[in-house]
Amino acid sequence: MKDTILPVSFFFGVNNRSGYCSLFGEIYDPYEKGEHIILKGGPGTGKSTLMRKVAKEAKSKGYFVERGFCSADPSSLDVVIAPEINFSIVDGTAPHTFDPKMTGISEHIVDLGVAWDRKKLQSHIYEIGQLMQSNSLQHKRASEFLHVASQIEKESAGICGSFTDTTKLERFVKRIASREIPARKAVKQGRRIKRFLSAVSPVGMSVQHETVVALCERIITLEDEFSAVSPFVAAYLSNYARGNGYDVIECFCPIFPTTKIEHLIIPELKLAFFTQNSYHSSIDDGEKTVHATRFYDKDSFARNREKLNIQKKAKRELIDEAVRKLALAKDIHDKLEAYYIEATDFGVINEIGEKILNSIK
């Protein structure tokens, strides 16, 4: 991968039906030579600002930079990676608590809490405690709504799957694979890189469309409203590409974060397979769109259309309610930040930041 004008950004953690799912373990291998900084500190201590400076510094030196945004606040950074020099800096605080395996060797903990005036914080112990509990409660409620939404989606996918022509689908995906992914004798199997391209956030479903455009010159879109076809297509193409030695970026669905691949990027081929639905609008640069309905039995689809539309509406309302809970959580988090900002010596934070910036070689 090489850097481009457009930013390359993903999410490394998402709110989902089970609470919170983190891909922070996918960022780097601690047993390889490199430098990975794990920031510890509360809200409002400048972690995201520091990571933005790191991203800018690495980019100014000509390195490819990958950013990971926070699903609880898509304007805030959780991760910055410069893979060419095996460097990363991550927010290692809850909910994506991240602890090192090779402390002091490839991994380094940086405690931003040294800049706190603890007496100021302790003077607001009751208020801060109440806000933290309220924040957790809103996230829990959001997960409950997403859980119900996931059950509805699972049922809709099952209905559509029951009248999908699997033989026709298999022929299609094999044809796409042989046409779009050149076969070759691979020295070793390609790597599987896991990411989230989208996340349920306080502002709705946040999707990093620009990342696909930045990494890919060709985008094949699969319009699949009920997820009966695209997960099979993405999984098949991922295995086929890896078997031919290509690294792939599997972008998982934020509601099914461990089982459902929603989009697939093959960087070496500058090729993406992108799923379009109510939550992922089409990308203008896409060269071709395939509709999942072409694999359906038309009569069966027509008979079930009313039920599917009712389920679609119910799922939308549940996700919208989860978004509202996340927005409440974000408002509470902003109030928490105010207490920590007041108690933080940002002169100390800036000194720490300068040392980190100087370590990017």
Protein backbone atom coordinates (compact mmCIF):
# COMPACT_ATOMS: atom_id res chain seq x y z
CA MET A 1 0.00 0.00 0.00
CA LYS A 2 1.17 3.52 -0.64
CA ASP A 3 -0.11 6.81 0.64
CA THR A 4 -2.53 8.84 -1.43
CA ILE A 5 -4.15 12.25 -1.35
CA LEU A 6 -7.21 10.79 0.35
CA PRO A 7 -6.92 9.56 3.94
CA VAL A 8 -6.87 5.86 4.78
CA SER A 9 -9.01 5.34 7.85
CA PHE A 10 -10.86 2.51 9.54
CA PHE A 11 -12.44 1.71 12.88
CA PHE A 12 -10.70 -0.71 15.24
CA GLY A 13 -13.56 -1.04 17.70
CA VAL A 14 -17.33 -0.95 17.37
CA ASN A 15 -20.43 -0.91 19.52
CA ASN A 16 -22.39 -4.04 18.70
CA ARG A 17 -24.99 -6.52 19.94
CA SER A 18 -22.59 -7.96 22.53
CA GLY A 19 -21.30 -4.66 23.89
CA TYR A 20 -17.96 -3.67 22.37
CA CYS A 21 -15.71 -5.51 19.93
CA SER A 22 -12.07 -4.51 19.55
CA LEU A 23 -9.59 -5.29 16.79
CA PHE A 24 -6.69 -3.71 18.64
CA GLY A 25 -4.94 -7.06 18.67
CA GLU A 26 -4.76 -6.80 14.87
CA ILE A 27 -2.69 -3.60 14.85
CA TYR A 28 0.77 -5.16 15.16
CA ASP A 29 2.75 -8.24 16.16
CA PRO A 30 4.52 -7.47 19.48
CA TYR A 31 7.11 -10.18 18.79
CA GLU A 32 8.46 -8.40 15.73
CA LYS A 33 10.93 -5.52 15.86
CA GLY A 34 9.09 -2.22 15.98
CA GLU A 35 7.89 0.59 18.21
CA HIS A 36 4.35 0.65 19.54
CA ILE A 37 3.15 3.23 22.03
CA ILE A 38 0.17 2.55 24.27
CA LEU A 39 -1.36 5.67 25.75
CA LYS A 40 -3.02 5.47 29.15
CA GLY A 41 -5.11 8.32 30.47
CA GLY A 42 -8.66 9.50 31.06
CA PRO A 43 -10.96 11.53 28.82
CA GLY A 44 -9.77 14.96 27.77
CA THR A 45 -6.06 14.32 28.32
CA GLY A 46 -5.14 14.97 24.69
CA LYS A 47 -4.69 11.42 23.40
CA SER A 48 -6.48 12.08 20.11
CA THR A 49 -4.73 15.43 19.60
CA LEU A 50 -1.36 13.77 20.18
CA MET A 51 -2.19 11.01 17.69
CA ARG A 52 -3.15 13.59 15.08
CA LYS A 53 0.27 15.20 15.51
CA VAL A 54 1.93 11.80 15.15
CA ALA A 55 -0.05 11.08 11.98
CA LYS A 56 0.94 14.46 10.53
CA GLU A 57 4.61 13.94 11.43
CA ALA A 58 4.75 10.46 9.93
CA LYS A 59 3.00 11.63 6.77
CA SER A 60 5.40 14.60 6.45
CA LYS A 61 8.28 12.10 6.42
CA GLY A 62 6.68 10.31 3.49
CA TYR A 63 5.32 7.30 5.32
CA PHE A 64 2.01 5.63 4.58
CA VAL A 65 -0.34 6.40 7.49
CA GLU A 66 -3.42 4.49 8.54
CA ARG A 67 -5.79 6.08 11.04
CA GLY A 68 -8.33 4.42 13.30
CA PHE A 69 -11.26 6.53 14.43
CA CYS A 70 -13.31 6.12 17.59
CA SER A 71 -16.81 4.70 17.03
CA ALA A 72 -18.05 6.55 20.14
CA ASP A 73 -16.80 9.82 18.61
CA PRO A 74 -15.89 9.60 14.90
CA SER A 75 -14.01 12.91 15.13
CA SER A 76 -11.56 11.39 17.61
CA LEU A 77 -8.61 9.07 16.88
CA ASP A 78 -7.95 5.77 18.63
CA VAL A 79 -5.10 4.48 16.47
CA VAL A 80 -2.33 5.69 14.13
CA ILE A 81 -0.18 3.20 12.22
CA ALA A 82 2.90 3.70 10.05
CA PRO A 83 3.43 0.11 8.80
CA GLU A 84 6.56 0.85 6.74
CA ILE A 85 8.52 1.48 9.95
CA ASN A 86 6.35 -0.84 12.08
CA PHE A 87 5.28 2.05 14.29
CA SER A 88 1.94 2.63 15.95
CA ILE A 89 0.36 4.66 18.72
CA VAL A 90 -2.92 3.54 20.29
CA ASP A 91 -5.38 4.61 22.95
CA GLY A 92 -5.09 1.80 25.48
CA THR A 93 -7.87 2.91 27.83
CA ALA A 94 -11.38 1.51 28.28
CA PRO A 95 -13.42 0.33 26.49
CA HIS A 96 -10.54 -0.87 24.29
CA THR A 97 -8.22 -1.60 27.20
CA PHE A 98 -4.97 -2.67 25.62
CA ASP A 99 -2.03 -4.07 27.57
CA PRO A 100 1.44 -4.93 26.25
CA LYS A 101 3.03 -8.35 25.91
CA MET A 102 6.60 -7.10 25.25
CA THR A 103 6.81 -4.11 27.58
CA GLY A 104 9.92 -2.01 27.11
CA ILE A 105 10.99 -3.91 24.00
CA SER A 106 8.56 -3.40 21.14
CA GLU A 107 5.81 -1.89 23.28
CA HIS A 108 5.89 1.13 25.55
CA ILE A 109 3.26 2.42 27.96
CA VAL A 110 2.95 6.20 28.19
CA ASP A 111 0.98 7.36 31.22
CA LEU A 112 -0.65 10.71 30.58
CA GLY A 113 -2.06 10.62 34.10
CA VAL A 114 1.20 12.13 35.35
CA ALA A 115 -0.16 15.48 34.12
CA TRP A 116 -3.22 15.37 36.39
CA ASP A 117 -3.89 17.46 39.44
CA ARG A 118 -5.33 14.59 41.48
CA LYS A 119 -6.72 16.88 44.17
CA LYS A 120 -8.87 18.66 41.58
CA LEU A 121 -10.18 15.34 40.30
CA GLN A 122 -10.81 14.00 43.78
CA SER A 123 -12.79 17.11 44.66
CA HIS A 124 -15.32 16.03 42.00
CA ILE A 125 -15.34 12.31 42.82
CA TYR A 126 -19.13 12.13 43.15
CA GLU A 127 -19.90 13.99 39.92
CA ILE A 128 -17.29 12.05 37.91
CA GLY A 129 -18.50 8.74 39.31
CA GLN A 130 -22.10 9.51 38.39
CA LEU A 131 -21.14 10.51 34.87
CA MET A 132 -19.06 7.36 34.33
CA GLN A 133 -21.91 5.13 35.46
CA SER A 134 -24.38 7.02 33.27
CA ASN A 135 -22.06 6.73 30.29
CA SER A 136 -21.74 2.96 30.76
CA LEU A 137 -25.51 2.62 31.09
CA GLN A 138 -26.17 4.40 27.76
CA HIS A 139 -23.64 2.16 25.99
CA LYS A 140 -25.30 -0.91 27.50
CA ARG A 141 -28.72 0.24 26.31
CA ALA A 142 -27.34 0.90 22.82
CA SER A 143 -26.02 -2.67 22.72
CA GLU A 144 -29.43 -4.01 23.72
CA PHE A 145 -31.07 -2.28 20.77
CA LEU A 146 -28.33 -3.49 18.42
CA HIS A 147 -28.81 -7.04 19.70
CA VAL A 148 -32.49 -7.02 18.73
CA ALA A 149 -31.62 -5.40 15.38
CA SER A 150 -29.11 -8.20 14.73
CA GLN A 151 -31.78 -10.85 15.38
CA ILE A 152 -34.07 -9.20 12.83
CA GLU A 153 -31.28 -9.00 10.26
CA LYS A 154 -30.43 -12.64 10.85
CA GLU A 155 -34.05 -13.64 10.22
CA SER A 156 -34.29 -11.52 7.05
CA ALA A 157 -31.07 -13.03 5.71
CA GLY A 158 -32.43 -16.50 6.44
CA ILE A 159 -35.67 -15.80 4.57
CA CYS A 160 -33.81 -14.52 1.50
CA GLY A 161 -31.31 -17.34 1.76
CA SER A 162 -34.14 -19.86 1.52
CA PHE A 163 -34.97 -18.76 -2.02
CA THR A 164 -31.47 -17.86 -3.22
CA ASP A 165 -30.22 -19.93 -6.16
CA THR A 166 -26.95 -21.10 -4.59
CA THR A 167 -25.79 -22.87 -7.74
CA LYS A 168 -26.14 -19.68 -9.75
CA LEU A 169 -24.43 -17.71 -6.99
CA GLU A 170 -21.48 -20.11 -6.83
CA ARG A 171 -21.01 -19.94 -10.60
CA PHE A 172 -21.08 -16.15 -10.42
CA VAL A 173 -18.52 -15.83 -7.62
CA LYS A 174 -16.14 -18.33 -9.27
CA ARG A 175 -16.38 -16.36 -12.51
CA ILE A 176 -15.69 -13.08 -10.70
CA ALA A 177 -12.72 -14.62 -8.86
CA SER A 178 -11.07 -15.99 -12.00
CA ARG A 179 -11.66 -12.75 -13.91
CA GLU A 180 -10.69 -10.19 -11.27
CA ILE A 181 -8.02 -11.98 -9.21
CA PRO A 182 -5.11 -13.26 -11.33
CA ALA A 183 -4.12 -16.79 -10.36
CA ARG A 184 -0.48 -17.35 -9.47
CA LYS A 185 1.69 -19.82 -7.67
CA ALA A 186 2.01 -18.23 -4.28
CA VAL A 187 5.14 -18.60 -2.19
CA LYS A 188 2.93 -18.31 0.86
CA GLN A 189 -0.68 -17.59 1.62
CA GLY A 190 -1.67 -13.94 1.72
CA ARG A 191 -2.32 -12.19 5.04
CA ARG A 192 -5.80 -11.60 6.40
CA ILE A 193 -6.10 -8.08 7.84
CA LYS A 194 -9.27 -7.40 9.83
CA ARG A 195 -10.83 -3.96 9.98
CA PHE A 196 -14.17 -2.18 10.32
CA LEU A 197 -15.02 0.17 7.45
CA SER A 198 -18.15 1.34 9.25
CA ALA A 199 -19.48 1.73 12.77
CA VAL A 200 -22.72 2.59 14.54
CA SER A 201 -21.85 5.94 16.11
CA PRO A 202 -23.52 8.93 17.84
CA VAL A 203 -24.07 10.50 14.41
CA GLY A 204 -25.50 7.39 12.75
CA MET A 205 -23.76 4.77 10.65
CA SER A 206 -20.30 6.21 9.94
CA VAL A 207 -18.67 4.81 6.80
CA GLN A 208 -15.10 5.49 5.63
CA HIS A 209 -15.89 5.67 1.91
CA GLU A 210 -12.73 7.66 1.21
CA THR A 211 -10.57 4.76 2.32
CA VAL A 212 -11.93 2.55 -0.44
CA VAL A 213 -11.36 5.28 -3.02
CA ALA A 214 -7.85 5.91 -1.70
CA LEU A 215 -6.75 2.28 -1.83
CA CYS A 216 -8.60 1.10 -4.93
CA GLU A 217 -8.78 2.04 -8.57
CA ARG A 218 -11.55 -0.47 -9.23
CA ILE A 219 -14.65 -0.96 -7.07
CA ILE A 220 -17.23 -3.66 -7.68
CA THR A 221 -20.44 -3.01 -5.74
CA LEU A 222 -22.83 -5.70 -4.56
CA GLU A 223 -26.23 -4.26 -3.71
CA ASP A 224 -27.58 -6.56 -1.01
CA GLU A 225 -30.20 -5.11 1.32
CA PHE A 226 -30.84 -8.30 3.29
CA SER A 227 -27.30 -9.75 3.55
CA ALA A 228 -28.21 -13.05 1.92
CA VAL A 229 -25.49 -12.95 -0.75
CA SER A 230 -22.64 -10.51 0.03
CA PRO A 231 -21.15 -12.36 3.06
CA PHE A 232 -20.71 -15.51 0.95
CA VAL A 233 -19.19 -13.53 -1.94
CA ALA A 234 -16.75 -11.66 0.32
CA ALA A 235 -15.65 -14.79 2.19
CA TYR A 236 -15.14 -16.78 -1.01
CA LEU A 237 -13.15 -14.03 -2.73
CA SER A 238 -11.05 -13.47 0.39
CA ASN A 239 -10.05 -17.14 0.55
CA TYR A 240 -9.41 -17.24 -3.21
CA ALA A 241 -7.21 -14.12 -3.10
CA ARG A 242 -5.24 -15.30 -0.08
CA GLY A 243 -4.73 -18.69 -1.71
CA ASN A 244 -3.06 -16.85 -4.58
CA GLY A 245 -0.76 -14.94 -2.25
CA TYR A 246 -2.62 -11.62 -2.07
CA ASP A 247 -3.05 -9.83 1.25
CA VAL A 248 -6.65 -8.88 1.90
CA ILE A 249 -8.43 -6.42 4.17
CA GLU A 250 -11.62 -8.00 5.46
CA CYS A 251 -14.03 -5.33 6.65
CA PHE A 252 -16.50 -6.85 9.07
CA CYS A 253 -20.08 -5.78 9.75
CA PRO A 254 -20.26 -3.73 12.98
CA ILE A 255 -23.38 -5.63 14.10
CA PHE A 256 -21.83 -9.05 13.40
CA PRO A 257 -18.20 -8.10 14.11
CA THR A 258 -16.68 -11.59 14.14
CA THR A 259 -18.70 -13.54 11.60
CA LYS A 260 -19.85 -11.37 8.70
CA ILE A 261 -17.43 -9.88 6.16
CA GLU A 262 -19.19 -6.93 4.56
CA HIS A 263 -16.52 -5.47 2.28
CA LEU A 264 -13.23 -6.78 0.88
CA ILE A 265 -10.17 -4.82 -0.23
CA ILE A 266 -7.22 -6.35 -2.09
CA PRO A 267 -4.55 -3.60 -1.93
CA GLU A 268 -2.06 -5.14 -4.35
CA LEU A 269 -4.71 -5.33 -7.06
CA LYS A 270 -6.20 -1.94 -6.05
CA LEU A 271 -9.53 -3.74 -6.04
CA ALA A 272 -12.52 -3.59 -3.69
CA PHE A 273 -15.76 -5.51 -3.37
CA PHE A 274 -18.15 -3.16 -1.61
CA THR A 275 -21.57 -4.01 -0.17
CA GLN A 276 -24.25 -1.38 -0.73
CA ASN A 277 -27.40 -1.26 1.42
CA SER A 278 -29.44 1.21 3.47
CA TYR A 279 -26.42 1.87 5.69
CA HIS A 280 -23.66 1.91 3.05
CA SER A 281 -24.41 4.21 0.13
CA SER A 282 -22.78 3.47 -3.20
CA ILE A 283 -19.35 4.87 -4.05
CA ASP A 284 -19.35 7.15 -7.09
CA ASP A 285 -16.12 5.62 -8.40
CA GLY A 286 -17.65 2.13 -8.50
CA GLU A 287 -17.41 0.65 -12.00
CA LYS A 288 -20.01 -2.10 -11.68
CA THR A 289 -23.01 -2.94 -9.50
CA VAL A 290 -24.38 -6.44 -9.05
CA HIS A 291 -27.83 -6.81 -7.48
CA ALA A 292 -28.39 -9.64 -5.02
CA THR A 293 -31.96 -10.03 -6.26
CA ARG A 294 -30.65 -11.58 -9.49
CA PHE A 295 -29.99 -14.73 -7.46
CA TYR A 296 -33.46 -14.80 -5.86
CA ASP A 297 -36.48 -16.76 -6.96
CA LYS A 298 -38.67 -13.84 -8.03
CA ASP A 299 -42.00 -15.32 -6.96
CA SER A 300 -40.72 -16.24 -3.49
CA PHE A 301 -39.17 -12.81 -3.08
CA ALA A 302 -42.46 -11.15 -4.03
CA ARG A 303 -44.39 -13.26 -1.51
CA ASN A 304 -42.03 -12.33 1.28
CA ARG A 305 -41.47 -8.70 0.30
CA GLU A 306 -43.99 -7.22 2.74
CA LYS A 307 -42.54 -9.11 5.70
CA LEU A 308 -38.99 -8.19 4.70
CA ASN A 309 -39.92 -4.51 4.44
CA ILE A 310 -41.53 -4.60 7.90
CA GLN A 311 -38.37 -6.18 9.30
CA LYS A 312 -36.23 -3.62 7.49
CA LYS A 313 -38.22 -0.77 9.06
CA ALA A 314 -38.03 -2.34 12.54
CA LYS A 315 -34.28 -2.82 12.20
CA ARG A 316 -33.85 0.80 11.14
CA GLU A 317 -35.83 2.04 14.16
CA LEU A 318 -33.77 -0.11 16.54
CA ILE A 319 -30.46 1.11 15.10
CA ASP A 320 -31.71 4.70 15.23
CA GLU A 321 -32.55 4.21 18.91
CA ALA A 322 -29.05 2.79 19.51
CA VAL A 323 -27.63 5.89 17.82
CA ARG A 324 -29.64 8.11 20.17
CA LYS A 325 -28.24 6.23 23.19
CA LEU A 326 -24.71 6.63 21.84
CA ALA A 327 -25.35 10.35 21.33
CA LEU A 328 -26.41 10.61 24.99
CA ALA A 329 -23.26 8.73 25.98
CA LYS A 330 -21.18 11.17 23.91
CA ASP A 331 -22.78 14.15 25.70
CA ILE A 332 -21.97 12.55 29.06
CA HIS A 333 -18.42 11.84 27.92
CA ASP A 334 -18.00 15.51 26.96
CA LYS A 335 -18.97 16.49 30.52
CA LEU A 336 -16.42 14.02 31.86
CA GLU A 337 -13.77 15.53 29.62
CA ALA A 338 -14.41 18.97 31.09
CA TYR A 339 -13.39 17.77 34.57
CA TYR A 340 -10.21 16.11 33.28
CA ILE A 341 -9.26 19.04 31.06
CA GLU A 342 -9.48 21.38 34.04
CA ALA A 343 -7.20 19.07 36.04
CA THR A 344 -4.59 18.43 33.30
CA ASP A 345 -1.29 20.26 32.87
CA PHE A 346 -1.02 20.34 29.09
CA GLY A 347 2.54 21.61 29.30
CA VAL A 348 3.46 18.14 30.60
CA ILE A 349 1.36 16.52 27.86
CA ASN A 350 3.16 18.57 25.20
CA GLU A 351 6.56 17.50 26.53
CA ILE A 352 5.50 13.86 26.33
CA GLY A 353 4.21 14.47 22.83
CA GLU A 354 7.49 15.98 21.66
CA LYS A 355 9.41 12.90 22.81
CA ILE A 356 7.03 10.66 20.89
CA LEU A 357 7.26 12.81 17.75
CA ASN A 358 11.04 12.70 17.92
CA SER A 359 10.93 8.90 18.03
CA ILE A 360 9.46 8.70 14.51
CA LYS A 361 12.49 8.01 12.34
